[in-house]
Amino acid sequence: MGNTEERLINLVSSNIEVDGQALDIPSDLKVSLVNAGVSSMDIIALAKLVSREFDVEFTVEECVSLRTLREVVDFLDSKAASATNS
């Protein structure tokens, strides 16, 4: 598991609950927060946390297009690679 994955899983595990229970995150990270029952308010709060933790900005379009945690990890890794290559 990569560093980005670990950090994202820790953020989700520490900050997201559904019906008072921790979110069950599969090892492949192919879980949709919306389909798992996470409220839109919690998703927005998580996006803000992820933005601070990884020092990235999300456009509204990017937030809407990132459907699974795997897609978020890939997005964050691509942003980090672009920053490194700049």
N, C-alpha and C. Protein backbone atom coordinates (compact mmCIF):
# COMPACT_ATOMS: atom_id res chain seq x y z
N MET A 1 0.84 -1.18 0.00
CA MET A 1 0.00 0.00 0.00
C MET A 1 0.89 1.24 0.00
N GLY A 2 0.60 2.16 -0.89
CA GLY A 2 1.40 3.37 -1.01
C GLY A 2 1.10 4.38 0.08
N ASN A 3 1.98 5.33 0.20
CA ASN A 3 1.84 6.37 1.21
C ASN A 3 0.54 7.16 1.04
N THR A 4 0.19 7.47 -0.20
CA THR A 4 -1.05 8.22 -0.45
C THR A 4 -2.24 7.41 0.05
N GLU A 5 -2.25 6.13 -0.27
CA GLU A 5 -3.35 5.26 0.17
C GLU A 5 -3.47 5.24 1.69
N GLU A 6 -2.34 5.06 2.35
CA GLU A 6 -2.34 5.00 3.82
C GLU A 6 -2.87 6.29 4.43
N ARG A 7 -2.39 7.40 3.91
CA ARG A 7 -2.81 8.69 4.45
C ARG A 7 -4.30 8.92 4.21
N LEU A 8 -4.80 8.57 3.02
CA LEU A 8 -6.21 8.75 2.73
C LEU A 8 -7.07 7.83 3.59
N ILE A 9 -6.67 6.59 3.74
CA ILE A 9 -7.43 5.65 4.58
C ILE A 9 -7.48 6.16 6.02
N ASN A 10 -6.36 6.67 6.52
CA ASN A 10 -6.35 7.21 7.88
C ASN A 10 -7.30 8.40 8.02
N LEU A 11 -7.31 9.29 7.02
CA LEU A 11 -8.24 10.43 7.07
C LEU A 11 -9.69 9.97 7.07
N VAL A 12 -10.01 9.03 6.18
CA VAL A 12 -11.39 8.54 6.10
C VAL A 12 -11.76 7.82 7.39
N SER A 13 -10.89 6.94 7.85
CA SER A 13 -11.19 6.16 9.06
C SER A 13 -11.36 7.05 10.28
N SER A 14 -10.60 8.11 10.34
CA SER A 14 -10.65 9.00 11.50
C SER A 14 -11.80 10.00 11.46
N ASN A 15 -12.37 10.22 10.27
CA ASN A 15 -13.32 11.31 10.13
C ASN A 15 -14.68 10.95 9.56
N ILE A 16 -14.85 9.76 9.03
CA ILE A 16 -16.10 9.40 8.37
C ILE A 16 -16.75 8.22 9.07
N GLU A 17 -18.03 8.40 9.38
CA GLU A 17 -18.84 7.31 9.94
C GLU A 17 -20.17 7.27 9.19
N VAL A 18 -20.73 6.08 9.10
CA VAL A 18 -22.05 5.90 8.52
C VAL A 18 -22.89 5.21 9.59
N ASP A 19 -23.95 5.87 10.01
CA ASP A 19 -24.82 5.35 11.07
C ASP A 19 -24.02 5.00 12.33
N GLY A 20 -23.05 5.86 12.67
CA GLY A 20 -22.27 5.68 13.89
C GLY A 20 -21.19 4.62 13.81
N GLN A 21 -20.99 4.04 12.63
CA GLN A 21 -19.99 3.00 12.45
C GLN A 21 -18.90 3.47 11.48
N ALA A 22 -17.68 3.00 11.72
CA ALA A 22 -16.59 3.32 10.80
C ALA A 22 -16.91 2.75 9.43
N LEU A 23 -16.49 3.46 8.41
CA LEU A 23 -16.71 3.02 7.04
C LEU A 23 -15.84 1.81 6.74
N ASP A 24 -16.44 0.78 6.15
CA ASP A 24 -15.69 -0.41 5.74
C ASP A 24 -15.00 -0.09 4.42
N ILE A 25 -13.68 -0.02 4.43
CA ILE A 25 -12.92 0.35 3.25
C ILE A 25 -12.24 -0.90 2.69
N PRO A 26 -12.63 -1.34 1.48
CA PRO A 26 -12.00 -2.51 0.89
C PRO A 26 -10.55 -2.22 0.51
N SER A 27 -9.74 -3.24 0.43
CA SER A 27 -8.32 -3.07 0.16
C SER A 27 -8.05 -2.46 -1.21
N ASP A 28 -8.97 -2.64 -2.18
CA ASP A 28 -8.75 -2.05 -3.50
C ASP A 28 -9.24 -0.60 -3.57
N LEU A 29 -9.82 -0.10 -2.48
CA LEU A 29 -10.31 1.27 -2.36
C LEU A 29 -11.43 1.61 -3.35
N LYS A 30 -12.04 0.60 -3.92
CA LYS A 30 -13.13 0.84 -4.87
C LYS A 30 -14.44 0.93 -4.13
N VAL A 31 -14.55 1.97 -3.33
CA VAL A 31 -15.76 2.23 -2.58
C VAL A 31 -16.21 3.66 -2.88
N SER A 32 -17.46 3.80 -3.19
CA SER A 32 -18.04 5.12 -3.41
C SER A 32 -18.57 5.62 -2.08
N LEU A 33 -18.14 6.79 -1.66
CA LEU A 33 -18.61 7.33 -0.39
C LEU A 33 -20.11 7.59 -0.44
N VAL A 34 -20.60 8.06 -1.58
CA VAL A 34 -22.03 8.32 -1.74
C VAL A 34 -22.81 7.02 -1.60
N ASN A 35 -22.38 5.98 -2.32
CA ASN A 35 -23.08 4.69 -2.26
C ASN A 35 -22.97 4.02 -0.90
N ALA A 36 -21.91 4.37 -0.15
CA ALA A 36 -21.73 3.80 1.19
C ALA A 36 -22.60 4.51 2.22
N GLY A 37 -23.27 5.59 1.80
CA GLY A 37 -24.16 6.29 2.72
C GLY A 37 -23.57 7.51 3.40
N VAL A 38 -22.42 7.97 2.93
CA VAL A 38 -21.79 9.15 3.52
C VAL A 38 -22.54 10.39 3.03
N SER A 39 -22.86 11.27 3.95
CA SER A 39 -23.62 12.47 3.58
C SER A 39 -22.77 13.42 2.74
N SER A 40 -23.44 14.25 1.96
CA SER A 40 -22.73 15.22 1.13
C SER A 40 -21.94 16.20 2.00
N MET A 41 -22.47 16.54 3.15
CA MET A 41 -21.74 17.44 4.06
C MET A 41 -20.44 16.80 4.54
N ASP A 42 -20.50 15.50 4.86
CA ASP A 42 -19.28 14.80 5.29
C ASP A 42 -18.28 14.68 4.15
N ILE A 43 -18.78 14.50 2.93
CA ILE A 43 -17.88 14.41 1.78
C ILE A 43 -17.17 15.75 1.56
N ILE A 44 -17.90 16.84 1.70
CA ILE A 44 -17.29 18.16 1.56
C ILE A 44 -16.25 18.38 2.65
N ALA A 45 -16.58 18.01 3.87
CA ALA A 45 -15.62 18.15 4.97
C ALA A 45 -14.37 17.30 4.71
N LEU A 46 -14.58 16.09 4.21
CA LEU A 46 -13.44 15.22 3.90
C LEU A 46 -12.60 15.83 2.78
N ALA A 47 -13.24 16.39 1.77
CA ALA A 47 -12.49 17.03 0.67
C ALA A 47 -11.61 18.15 1.20
N LYS A 48 -12.11 18.91 2.16
CA LYS A 48 -11.31 19.98 2.77
C LYS A 48 -10.12 19.41 3.53
N LEU A 49 -10.36 18.32 4.26
CA LEU A 49 -9.26 17.67 4.99
C LEU A 49 -8.21 17.12 4.03
N VAL A 50 -8.67 16.48 2.97
CA VAL A 50 -7.74 15.92 1.97
C VAL A 50 -6.95 17.05 1.32
N SER A 51 -7.62 18.14 1.02
CA SER A 51 -6.97 19.29 0.42
C SER A 51 -5.84 19.81 1.30
N ARG A 52 -6.11 19.92 2.60
CA ARG A 52 -5.07 20.39 3.54
C ARG A 52 -3.97 19.35 3.71
N GLU A 53 -4.34 18.09 3.89
CA GLU A 53 -3.37 17.03 4.14
C GLU A 53 -2.39 16.86 2.97
N PHE A 54 -2.92 16.95 1.74
CA PHE A 54 -2.10 16.70 0.56
C PHE A 54 -1.69 17.98 -0.17
N ASP A 55 -2.08 19.12 0.37
CA ASP A 55 -1.74 20.42 -0.20
C ASP A 55 -2.12 20.49 -1.68
N VAL A 56 -3.39 20.15 -1.96
CA VAL A 56 -3.93 20.22 -3.32
C VAL A 56 -5.24 20.99 -3.28
N GLU A 57 -5.59 21.54 -4.42
CA GLU A 57 -6.88 22.21 -4.57
C GLU A 57 -7.75 21.35 -5.47
N PHE A 58 -9.02 21.25 -5.15
CA PHE A 58 -9.99 20.53 -5.96
C PHE A 58 -10.91 21.54 -6.62
N THR A 59 -11.14 21.37 -7.91
CA THR A 59 -12.20 22.14 -8.54
C THR A 59 -13.52 21.43 -8.25
N VAL A 60 -14.61 22.11 -8.46
CA VAL A 60 -15.92 21.48 -8.26
C VAL A 60 -16.04 20.27 -9.19
N GLU A 61 -15.59 20.43 -10.43
CA GLU A 61 -15.66 19.33 -11.40
C GLU A 61 -14.85 18.13 -10.94
N GLU A 62 -13.68 18.37 -10.38
CA GLU A 62 -12.85 17.25 -9.90
C GLU A 62 -13.53 16.55 -8.73
N CYS A 63 -14.10 17.31 -7.82
CA CYS A 63 -14.80 16.69 -6.68
C CYS A 63 -15.94 15.80 -7.15
N VAL A 64 -16.68 16.27 -8.13
CA VAL A 64 -17.82 15.51 -8.63
C VAL A 64 -17.37 14.28 -9.41
N SER A 65 -16.26 14.39 -10.14
CA SER A 65 -15.83 13.30 -11.00
C SER A 65 -15.13 12.17 -10.24
N LEU A 66 -14.60 12.45 -9.06
CA LEU A 66 -13.88 11.43 -8.28
C LEU A 66 -14.90 10.59 -7.51
N ARG A 67 -15.21 9.43 -8.03
CA ARG A 67 -16.29 8.63 -7.47
C ARG A 67 -15.86 7.64 -6.39
N THR A 68 -14.64 7.13 -6.48
CA THR A 68 -14.19 6.15 -5.49
C THR A 68 -12.92 6.65 -4.80
N LEU A 69 -12.59 6.03 -3.69
CA LEU A 69 -11.35 6.39 -3.00
C LEU A 69 -10.14 6.06 -3.88
N ARG A 70 -10.22 5.01 -4.69
CA ARG A 70 -9.14 4.67 -5.62
C ARG A 70 -8.92 5.84 -6.59
N GLU A 71 -10.00 6.42 -7.11
CA GLU A 71 -9.88 7.55 -8.02
C GLU A 71 -9.27 8.76 -7.31
N VAL A 72 -9.58 8.94 -6.04
CA VAL A 72 -8.99 10.04 -5.27
C VAL A 72 -7.48 9.82 -5.12
N VAL A 73 -7.07 8.59 -4.81
CA VAL A 73 -5.64 8.28 -4.69
C VAL A 73 -4.93 8.55 -6.01
N ASP A 74 -5.51 8.08 -7.11
CA ASP A 74 -4.89 8.30 -8.43
C ASP A 74 -4.78 9.79 -8.74
N PHE A 75 -5.83 10.55 -8.42
CA PHE A 75 -5.83 12.00 -8.62
C PHE A 75 -4.71 12.65 -7.80
N LEU A 76 -4.61 12.29 -6.53
CA LEU A 76 -3.59 12.87 -5.66
C LEU A 76 -2.20 12.53 -6.15
N ASP A 77 -1.99 11.28 -6.56
CA ASP A 77 -0.68 10.87 -7.08
C ASP A 77 -0.33 11.62 -8.36
N SER A 78 -1.33 11.85 -9.23
CA SER A 78 -1.05 12.58 -10.47
C SER A 78 -0.71 14.04 -10.17
N LYS A 79 -1.41 14.62 -9.19
CA LYS A 79 -1.10 16.01 -8.79
C LYS A 79 0.31 16.11 -8.23
N ALA A 80 0.70 15.11 -7.42
CA ALA A 80 2.05 15.11 -6.83
C ALA A 80 3.11 14.95 -7.92
N ALA A 81 2.83 14.09 -8.91
CA ALA A 81 3.77 13.88 -10.01
C ALA A 81 3.91 15.15 -10.84
N SER A 82 2.80 15.86 -11.09
CA SER A 82 2.87 17.10 -11.86
C SER A 82 3.67 18.15 -11.11
N ALA A 83 3.48 18.21 -9.81
CA ALA A 83 4.21 19.21 -8.99
C ALA A 83 5.70 18.90 -8.99
N THR A 84 6.04 17.62 -8.96
CA THR A 84 7.44 17.21 -8.96
C THR A 84 8.11 17.52 -10.30
N ASN A 85 7.35 17.35 -11.38
CA ASN A 85 7.90 17.58 -12.72
C ASN A 85 7.90 19.05 -13.15
N SER A 86 7.31 19.90 -12.32
CA SER A 86 7.24 21.34 -12.70
C SER A 86 8.50 22.06 -12.35
